[in-house]
N, C-alpha and C. Protein backbone atom coordinates (compact mmCIF):
# COMPACT_ATOMS: atom_id res chain seq x y z
N MET A 1 -27.02 78.05 -58.98
CA MET A 1 -27.96 77.80 -60.20
C MET A 1 -28.26 79.09 -60.71
N LEU A 2 -28.68 78.94 -62.07
CA LEU A 2 -28.92 80.25 -62.84
C LEU A 2 -30.33 80.53 -62.67
N TYR A 3 -31.17 79.35 -62.27
CA TYR A 3 -32.87 79.74 -62.61
C TYR A 3 -33.33 78.90 -61.23
N ASP A 4 -34.56 79.38 -60.61
CA ASP A 4 -35.54 78.74 -59.72
C ASP A 4 -35.43 77.32 -60.21
N GLY A 5 -35.61 76.07 -59.35
CA GLY A 5 -35.89 74.94 -60.06
C GLY A 5 -35.86 74.03 -58.58
N SER A 6 -35.70 72.70 -59.04
CA SER A 6 -35.64 71.60 -58.05
C SER A 6 -34.89 70.35 -58.48
N ILE A 7 -34.04 69.90 -57.23
CA ILE A 7 -33.48 68.60 -57.64
C ILE A 7 -34.51 67.59 -57.73
N ILE A 8 -34.21 66.77 -58.71
CA ILE A 8 -35.30 65.54 -59.08
C ILE A 8 -34.65 64.23 -59.15
N GLY A 9 -33.14 64.26 -58.97
CA GLY A 9 -32.56 62.68 -58.73
C GLY A 9 -31.06 63.15 -58.33
N LEU A 10 -30.70 61.99 -57.81
CA LEU A 10 -29.26 61.93 -57.24
C LEU A 10 -28.77 60.39 -57.54
N SER A 11 -27.33 60.49 -58.16
CA SER A 11 -26.89 58.97 -58.71
C SER A 11 -25.47 58.91 -58.20
N PHE A 12 -24.95 57.87 -58.01
CA PHE A 12 -23.67 57.68 -57.61
C PHE A 12 -23.01 56.18 -58.39
N ARG A 13 -21.81 56.40 -58.76
CA ARG A 13 -20.96 55.17 -59.28
C ARG A 13 -19.81 55.20 -59.04
N ALA A 14 -19.20 54.16 -58.41
CA ALA A 14 -17.84 54.16 -57.98
C ALA A 14 -17.05 52.96 -58.63
N ASN A 15 -15.70 53.02 -58.65
CA ASN A 15 -15.18 52.17 -59.31
C ASN A 15 -15.01 50.95 -58.44
N THR A 16 -15.45 50.93 -57.42
CA THR A 16 -15.26 49.29 -56.48
C THR A 16 -16.66 49.50 -55.46
N ALA A 17 -17.05 48.56 -55.10
CA ALA A 17 -17.91 48.38 -54.02
C ALA A 17 -17.55 48.84 -52.60
N LYS A 18 -18.30 49.16 -51.88
CA LYS A 18 -18.20 49.47 -50.53
C LYS A 18 -18.17 48.50 -49.60
N THR A 19 -16.95 48.36 -48.83
CA THR A 19 -16.70 46.88 -48.01
C THR A 19 -16.99 46.81 -46.55
N ALA A 20 -16.96 48.17 -46.12
CA ALA A 20 -17.40 48.14 -44.61
C ALA A 20 -17.73 49.67 -44.39
N GLY A 21 -18.33 50.03 -43.09
CA GLY A 21 -18.46 51.17 -42.67
C GLY A 21 -19.69 51.78 -43.08
N THR A 22 -20.29 53.21 -42.93
CA THR A 22 -21.44 53.66 -43.56
C THR A 22 -21.05 54.82 -44.47
N ALA A 23 -21.65 55.05 -45.21
CA ALA A 23 -21.67 56.02 -46.43
C ALA A 23 -22.82 56.28 -47.20
N SER A 24 -23.27 57.71 -47.06
CA SER A 24 -24.33 58.22 -47.90
C SER A 24 -24.16 59.34 -48.49
N PHE A 25 -24.59 59.80 -49.58
CA PHE A 25 -24.53 60.97 -50.46
C PHE A 25 -25.90 61.60 -50.36
N GLY A 26 -25.84 63.09 -50.18
CA GLY A 26 -26.97 64.03 -49.94
C GLY A 26 -26.72 65.32 -50.94
N ALA A 27 -27.53 66.13 -50.61
CA ALA A 27 -27.49 67.38 -51.49
C ALA A 27 -27.69 68.40 -50.54
N PHE A 28 -26.72 69.55 -50.58
CA PHE A 28 -26.87 70.76 -50.04
C PHE A 28 -27.74 71.94 -51.01
N ILE A 29 -28.43 72.65 -50.42
CA ILE A 29 -28.80 73.90 -51.30
C ILE A 29 -28.75 74.97 -50.33
N ALA A 30 -27.65 75.75 -50.68
CA ALA A 30 -27.61 77.27 -50.28
C ALA A 30 -26.78 76.87 -48.59
N THR A 31 -26.02 75.90 -48.74
CA THR A 31 -25.17 75.67 -47.75
C THR A 31 -26.03 74.84 -46.62
N ALA A 32 -27.32 74.50 -47.05
CA ALA A 32 -28.14 73.70 -45.85
C ALA A 32 -28.52 72.29 -46.40
N ALA A 33 -28.39 71.38 -45.46
CA ALA A 33 -28.54 70.10 -45.86
C ALA A 33 -30.07 69.96 -46.38
N SER A 34 -30.32 69.30 -47.61
CA SER A 34 -31.76 69.36 -48.18
C SER A 34 -32.63 68.15 -47.65
N GLY A 35 -32.28 67.26 -47.14
CA GLY A 35 -32.75 66.17 -46.51
C GLY A 35 -32.69 64.90 -47.63
N ILE A 36 -32.19 65.27 -48.83
CA ILE A 36 -31.96 63.83 -49.59
C ILE A 36 -30.67 63.03 -49.05
N SER A 37 -30.96 61.91 -49.38
CA SER A 37 -30.24 60.76 -48.89
C SER A 37 -30.06 59.54 -49.61
N VAL A 38 -28.98 59.34 -50.38
CA VAL A 38 -28.81 57.85 -50.90
C VAL A 38 -27.71 57.21 -50.38
N VAL A 39 -28.21 56.05 -49.46
CA VAL A 39 -26.95 55.26 -48.94
C VAL A 39 -26.40 54.22 -49.65
N TRP A 40 -25.16 54.30 -49.37
CA TRP A 40 -24.09 53.35 -50.13
C TRP A 40 -24.10 52.08 -49.45
N ASP A 41 -24.81 51.11 -49.87
CA ASP A 41 -25.02 49.87 -49.03
C ASP A 41 -23.77 49.10 -49.44
N THR A 42 -23.29 48.32 -48.52
CA THR A 42 -22.05 47.29 -48.48
C THR A 42 -22.36 46.23 -49.84
N GLY A 43 -21.06 46.30 -50.66
CA GLY A 43 -21.33 45.33 -51.65
C GLY A 43 -21.65 46.00 -53.03
N LYS A 44 -22.37 47.19 -52.93
CA LYS A 44 -22.80 47.93 -54.05
C LYS A 44 -21.69 48.82 -54.52
N PHE A 45 -21.74 49.17 -55.97
CA PHE A 45 -20.86 50.06 -56.36
C PHE A 45 -21.64 51.15 -57.08
N ARG A 46 -23.02 51.21 -57.26
CA ARG A 46 -23.80 52.55 -57.69
C ARG A 46 -25.22 52.23 -57.15
N ASP A 47 -26.04 53.16 -57.16
CA ASP A 47 -27.32 53.85 -56.62
C ASP A 47 -28.00 54.74 -57.40
N PHE A 48 -29.26 54.95 -57.16
CA PHE A 48 -29.87 56.33 -57.58
C PHE A 48 -31.11 56.43 -56.75
N ARG A 49 -31.76 57.84 -56.54
CA ARG A 49 -33.06 57.96 -55.99
C ARG A 49 -33.48 59.17 -57.00
N THR A 50 -34.83 59.21 -57.14
CA THR A 50 -35.45 59.97 -57.77
C THR A 50 -36.71 60.89 -56.93
N PHE A 51 -36.88 62.11 -57.38
CA PHE A 51 -37.54 62.81 -56.41
C PHE A 51 -38.58 63.55 -57.17
N ALA A 52 -39.87 63.64 -56.73
CA ALA A 52 -41.12 64.62 -57.43
C ALA A 52 -40.59 65.83 -57.64
N PRO A 53 -40.77 66.47 -58.76
CA PRO A 53 -40.29 67.81 -59.02
C PRO A 53 -40.94 68.94 -58.00
N GLY A 54 -40.49 69.73 -57.39
CA GLY A 54 -41.10 70.75 -56.24
C GLY A 54 -40.70 70.30 -54.98
N THR A 55 -40.30 69.02 -54.74
CA THR A 55 -39.90 68.45 -53.52
C THR A 55 -38.68 69.27 -52.77
N PHE A 56 -37.85 69.39 -53.52
CA PHE A 56 -36.32 69.78 -53.02
C PHE A 56 -35.97 71.14 -53.93
N THR A 57 -36.53 72.26 -53.78
CA THR A 57 -36.54 73.44 -54.26
C THR A 57 -35.26 74.29 -54.01
N PHE A 58 -34.86 75.06 -55.11
CA PHE A 58 -33.75 76.06 -55.09
C PHE A 58 -34.13 77.18 -55.63
N LYS A 59 -33.41 78.52 -55.15
CA LYS A 59 -33.64 79.79 -56.03
C LYS A 59 -32.61 79.96 -56.88
N ALA A 60 -32.77 80.93 -57.57
CA ALA A 60 -31.78 81.39 -58.70
C ALA A 60 -30.60 82.03 -57.75
N GLY A 61 -29.19 81.66 -57.84
CA GLY A 61 -28.28 82.24 -57.24
C GLY A 61 -27.78 81.21 -55.87
N ASP A 62 -28.73 80.37 -55.72
CA ASP A 62 -28.25 79.29 -54.40
C ASP A 62 -27.00 78.20 -55.23
N ASP A 63 -26.34 77.97 -54.37
CA ASP A 63 -25.25 76.89 -54.49
C ASP A 63 -25.81 75.63 -54.14
N VAL A 64 -25.88 74.76 -55.10
CA VAL A 64 -26.75 73.58 -54.89
C VAL A 64 -25.27 72.53 -55.47
N GLY A 65 -25.13 71.44 -54.37
CA GLY A 65 -24.00 70.45 -54.74
C GLY A 65 -24.48 68.93 -53.99
N PRO A 66 -23.70 68.31 -54.35
CA PRO A 66 -23.63 66.72 -53.52
C PRO A 66 -22.70 66.90 -52.27
N ARG A 67 -22.92 66.11 -51.48
CA ARG A 67 -22.00 65.56 -50.34
C ARG A 67 -21.87 64.24 -49.96
N LEU A 68 -20.90 63.65 -49.78
CA LEU A 68 -20.66 62.30 -49.08
C LEU A 68 -20.37 62.69 -47.80
N THR A 69 -20.87 61.77 -47.02
CA THR A 69 -20.78 61.65 -45.55
C THR A 69 -20.36 60.14 -45.31
N THR A 70 -19.18 60.18 -44.56
CA THR A 70 -18.64 58.64 -44.17
C THR A 70 -18.46 58.54 -42.67
N ASP A 71 -18.14 57.37 -42.09
CA ASP A 71 -17.78 57.17 -40.78
C ASP A 71 -16.34 56.79 -40.98
N SER A 72 -15.32 56.49 -39.66
CA SER A 72 -14.57 56.20 -39.46
C SER A 72 -13.90 54.48 -39.95
N ALA A 73 -15.08 53.92 -40.07
CA ALA A 73 -14.90 52.53 -40.41
C ALA A 73 -15.11 52.16 -41.89
N PHE A 74 -15.45 53.46 -42.72
CA PHE A 74 -15.53 53.15 -44.23
C PHE A 74 -14.55 52.46 -44.94
N THR A 75 -14.56 51.84 -45.69
CA THR A 75 -13.41 51.24 -46.88
C THR A 75 -14.42 51.00 -48.02
N PRO A 76 -13.78 51.15 -49.19
CA PRO A 76 -12.20 51.09 -49.29
C PRO A 76 -11.75 52.67 -48.97
N ILE A 77 -10.45 52.70 -48.71
CA ILE A 77 -9.71 53.83 -48.29
C ILE A 77 -9.61 54.58 -49.50
N THR A 78 -9.35 54.13 -50.74
CA THR A 78 -9.19 55.06 -51.79
C THR A 78 -10.22 54.38 -52.79
N VAL A 79 -11.00 55.37 -53.39
CA VAL A 79 -12.01 55.01 -54.32
C VAL A 79 -12.53 56.23 -55.19
N ASP A 80 -12.72 55.99 -56.33
CA ASP A 80 -13.07 56.82 -57.52
C ASP A 80 -14.66 56.85 -57.41
N VAL A 81 -15.27 57.84 -57.44
CA VAL A 81 -16.65 57.91 -57.14
C VAL A 81 -17.23 59.17 -57.85
N GLY A 82 -18.35 59.13 -58.72
CA GLY A 82 -18.76 60.14 -59.56
C GLY A 82 -20.08 60.20 -59.14
N VAL A 83 -20.75 61.20 -58.85
CA VAL A 83 -21.99 61.93 -58.43
C VAL A 83 -22.69 62.52 -59.07
N ARG A 84 -23.71 62.50 -59.54
CA ARG A 84 -24.48 62.98 -60.19
C ARG A 84 -26.04 63.90 -59.70
N LEU A 85 -26.27 65.08 -59.86
CA LEU A 85 -27.57 65.62 -59.33
C LEU A 85 -28.31 66.22 -60.57
N PHE A 86 -29.59 65.69 -60.55
CA PHE A 86 -30.63 66.10 -61.71
C PHE A 86 -31.40 67.01 -61.27
N VAL A 87 -31.48 68.10 -61.93
CA VAL A 87 -32.52 69.06 -61.81
C VAL A 87 -33.31 69.60 -62.69
N THR A 88 -34.56 70.07 -62.38
CA THR A 88 -35.37 70.72 -63.26
C THR A 88 -35.50 72.05 -63.23
N PHE A 89 -35.70 73.01 -63.88
CA PHE A 89 -35.84 74.47 -63.82
C PHE A 89 -37.15 74.87 -63.84
N VAL A 90 -37.65 75.69 -63.16
CA VAL A 90 -38.87 76.25 -63.31
C VAL A 90 -38.99 77.61 -64.46
N SER A 91 -39.82 77.43 -65.79
CA SER A 91 -39.81 78.41 -66.42
C SER A 91 -40.53 79.52 -66.18
N SER A 92 -39.99 80.87 -66.44
CA SER A 92 -40.49 82.23 -65.95
C SER A 92 -41.35 83.03 -67.07
């Protein structure tokens, strides 16, 4: 990221519902898990969570990005998913 800030939300939307297994979306900050988790429940194709500013912070220069974790029972095998991280920056 270009500036100091924090993650204030994570959302996902898939082109089909999850039918089996476990899956969750998280966020990594500077290569470390942030503790953010949005579980992809069976039968759902979208969800989101919001967080208070300042809870999941990052520094200017940190790599910030989403991660999907699944188990071997996860289906559908082929799925298109869009994931969005929402951030706010600290004014200097």
